[in-house]
């Protein structure tokens, strides 16, 4: 995952990013998380994404 983070940092210079990786068809709730942002900043960005996603009916 660290190699992917290095590549994403180069591709998205000057931008924050998060990569969430999880297994389909499982009930374990396990997820790997990678970000170049501070935890608090990323949590705010993810919450904003969730809020907007819920407002538009969850359309992709």
Protein backbone atom coordinates (compact mmCIF):
# COMPACT_ATOMS: atom_id res chain seq x y z
CA UNK A 1 0.00 0.00 0.00
CA UNK A 2 2.90 2.35 0.67
CA UNK A 3 4.02 2.07 -2.96
CA UNK A 4 0.53 3.01 -4.11
CA UNK A 5 0.59 5.98 -1.71
CA UNK A 6 3.86 7.19 -3.19
CA UNK A 7 2.41 7.00 -6.70
CA UNK A 8 -0.81 8.78 -5.68
CA UNK A 9 1.22 11.54 -3.99
CA UNK A 10 3.07 12.14 -7.25
CA UNK A 11 -0.06 12.02 -9.42
CA UNK A 12 -2.14 14.28 -7.13
CA UNK A 13 0.52 16.80 -6.05
CA UNK A 14 -1.00 19.50 -3.90
CA UNK A 15 -4.19 17.52 -3.23
CA UNK A 16 -5.28 15.34 -0.36
CA UNK A 17 -6.31 11.77 -1.06
CA UNK A 18 -7.57 8.67 0.68
CA UNK A 19 -7.61 5.10 -0.50
CA UNK A 20 -10.01 2.70 1.21
CA UNK A 21 -9.53 -1.01 0.45
CA UNK A 22 -11.98 -3.62 1.72
CA UNK A 23 -13.08 -7.15 0.89
CA UNK A 24 -16.40 -7.75 -0.83
CA UNK A 25 -18.63 -10.53 0.50
CA UNK A 26 -17.42 -10.43 4.07
CA UNK A 27 -18.94 -9.44 7.38
CA UNK A 28 -15.62 -8.79 9.13
CA UNK A 29 -15.75 -5.04 8.56
CA UNK A 30 -11.99 -5.03 7.93
CA UNK A 31 -10.71 -2.15 5.81
CA UNK A 32 -7.27 -0.77 5.01
CA UNK A 33 -6.88 3.00 4.81
CA UNK A 34 -4.17 5.13 3.23
CA UNK A 35 -4.06 8.92 3.12
CA UNK A 36 -1.60 11.76 2.76
CA UNK A 37 -3.71 14.06 4.94
CA UNK A 38 -3.78 14.53 8.69
CA UNK A 39 -6.34 12.22 10.28
CA UNK A 40 -8.71 15.02 11.37
CA UNK A 41 -8.66 16.64 7.91
CA UNK A 42 -9.38 13.33 6.22
CA UNK A 43 -12.21 12.50 8.60
CA UNK A 44 -13.83 15.88 7.81
CA UNK A 45 -13.44 15.25 4.06
CA UNK A 46 -14.90 11.75 4.37
CA UNK A 47 -17.83 13.06 6.43
CA UNK A 48 -18.51 15.71 3.79
CA UNK A 49 -18.48 12.97 1.13
CA UNK A 50 -20.90 10.85 3.17
CA UNK A 51 -23.22 13.81 3.77
CA UNK A 52 -23.33 14.69 0.07
CA UNK A 53 -23.75 11.04 -0.94
CA UNK A 54 -26.75 10.65 1.35
CA UNK A 55 -28.34 13.85 0.00
CA UNK A 56 -28.30 12.64 -3.62
CA UNK A 57 -29.88 9.28 -2.84
CA UNK A 58 -26.58 7.40 -2.84
CA UNK A 59 -26.11 7.56 -6.59
CA UNK A 60 -22.56 6.66 -7.68
